[in-house]
Amino acid sequence: MARHAIERKVRWATAASYLASSGLLGVLAAVQDNARILEPLPDPISALVLALVPSLVTFAAGWKASHTPRSDGG
């Protein structure tokens, strides 16, 4: 079985997910004593929003990055 390089889409989506999660955690750590940022949202919805932010950034990075061309010489 031939080994293929990891596609650009996967690399960009992985990097975006890491950066979005790290950024979100940084923001939450900075405002942890000031919970007003999520105050308007009910607790179940705020948890959903916090989980969706990295997912949406990952989706956008995967959507934007182009596919890595592969040869048919397998």
Protein backbone atom coordinates (compact mmCIF):
# COMPACT_ATOMS: atom_id res chain seq x y z
CA MET A 1 0.00 0.00 0.00
CA ALA A 2 1.50 3.33 -1.05
CA ARG A 3 1.86 6.08 1.52
CA HIS A 4 0.38 9.41 0.53
CA ALA A 5 1.26 12.80 1.90
CA ILE A 6 -1.27 14.40 4.20
CA GLU A 7 -3.54 16.67 2.18
CA ARG A 8 -3.30 20.41 2.56
CA LYS A 9 -6.96 20.51 3.60
CA VAL A 10 -6.27 18.22 6.54
CA ARG A 11 -3.19 20.17 7.65
CA TRP A 12 -4.99 23.53 7.46
CA ALA A 13 -8.09 22.23 9.22
CA THR A 14 -5.98 20.70 11.99
CA ALA A 15 -3.99 23.91 12.48
CA ALA A 16 -7.18 26.01 12.46
CA SER A 17 -8.82 23.76 15.02
CA TYR A 18 -5.80 23.99 17.32
CA LEU A 19 -5.56 27.79 17.00
CA ALA A 20 -9.31 28.31 17.44
CA SER A 21 -9.42 26.09 20.52
CA SER A 22 -6.34 27.76 22.02
CA GLY A 23 -7.71 31.20 21.26
CA LEU A 24 -11.09 30.37 22.74
CA LEU A 25 -9.46 28.99 25.89
CA GLY A 26 -7.31 32.13 26.13
CA VAL A 27 -10.36 34.38 25.87
CA LEU A 28 -12.24 32.33 28.45
CA ALA A 29 -9.27 32.44 30.83
CA ALA A 30 -9.07 36.23 30.41
CA VAL A 31 -12.76 36.78 31.12
CA GLN A 32 -13.37 34.04 33.67
CA ASP A 33 -13.95 36.59 36.42
CA ASN A 34 -16.30 38.50 34.13
CA ALA A 35 -18.96 36.03 33.02
CA ARG A 36 -21.07 38.75 31.39
CA ILE A 37 -19.73 37.78 27.97
CA LEU A 38 -21.92 34.63 28.00
CA GLU A 39 -24.57 35.92 30.38
CA PRO A 40 -27.26 36.55 27.72
CA LEU A 41 -27.20 32.88 26.69
CA PRO A 42 -28.81 30.04 28.65
CA ASP A 43 -26.27 27.52 30.02
CA PRO A 44 -27.02 24.73 27.50
CA ILE A 45 -26.78 27.18 24.59
CA SER A 46 -23.52 28.73 25.82
CA ALA A 47 -21.92 25.27 25.99
CA LEU A 48 -23.09 24.61 22.43
CA VAL A 49 -21.72 27.95 21.20
CA LEU A 50 -18.35 27.32 22.86
CA ALA A 51 -18.13 23.92 21.18
CA LEU A 52 -19.17 25.27 17.78
CA VAL A 53 -16.54 28.02 17.51
CA PRO A 54 -13.54 25.70 16.88
CA SER A 55 -15.71 23.47 14.70
CA LEU A 56 -16.77 26.36 12.46
CA VAL A 57 -13.20 27.63 12.15
CA THR A 58 -12.05 24.10 11.25
CA PHE A 59 -14.81 23.78 8.66
CA ALA A 60 -13.92 27.15 7.13
CA ALA A 61 -10.22 26.25 6.90
CA GLY A 62 -10.99 22.90 5.30
CA TRP A 63 -13.40 24.53 2.86
CA LYS A 64 -10.93 27.23 1.84
CA ALA A 65 -7.82 25.02 1.42
CA SER A 66 -7.43 23.30 -1.92
CA HIS A 67 -7.05 19.56 -2.43
CA THR A 68 -3.58 18.11 -2.85
CA PRO A 69 -3.34 16.57 -6.32
CA ARG A 70 -2.49 12.87 -6.36
CA SER A 71 -1.03 10.78 -9.12
CA ASP A 72 -2.85 7.67 -10.29
CA GLY A 73 0.35 5.61 -10.19
CA GLY A 74 -0.80 3.51 -7.20
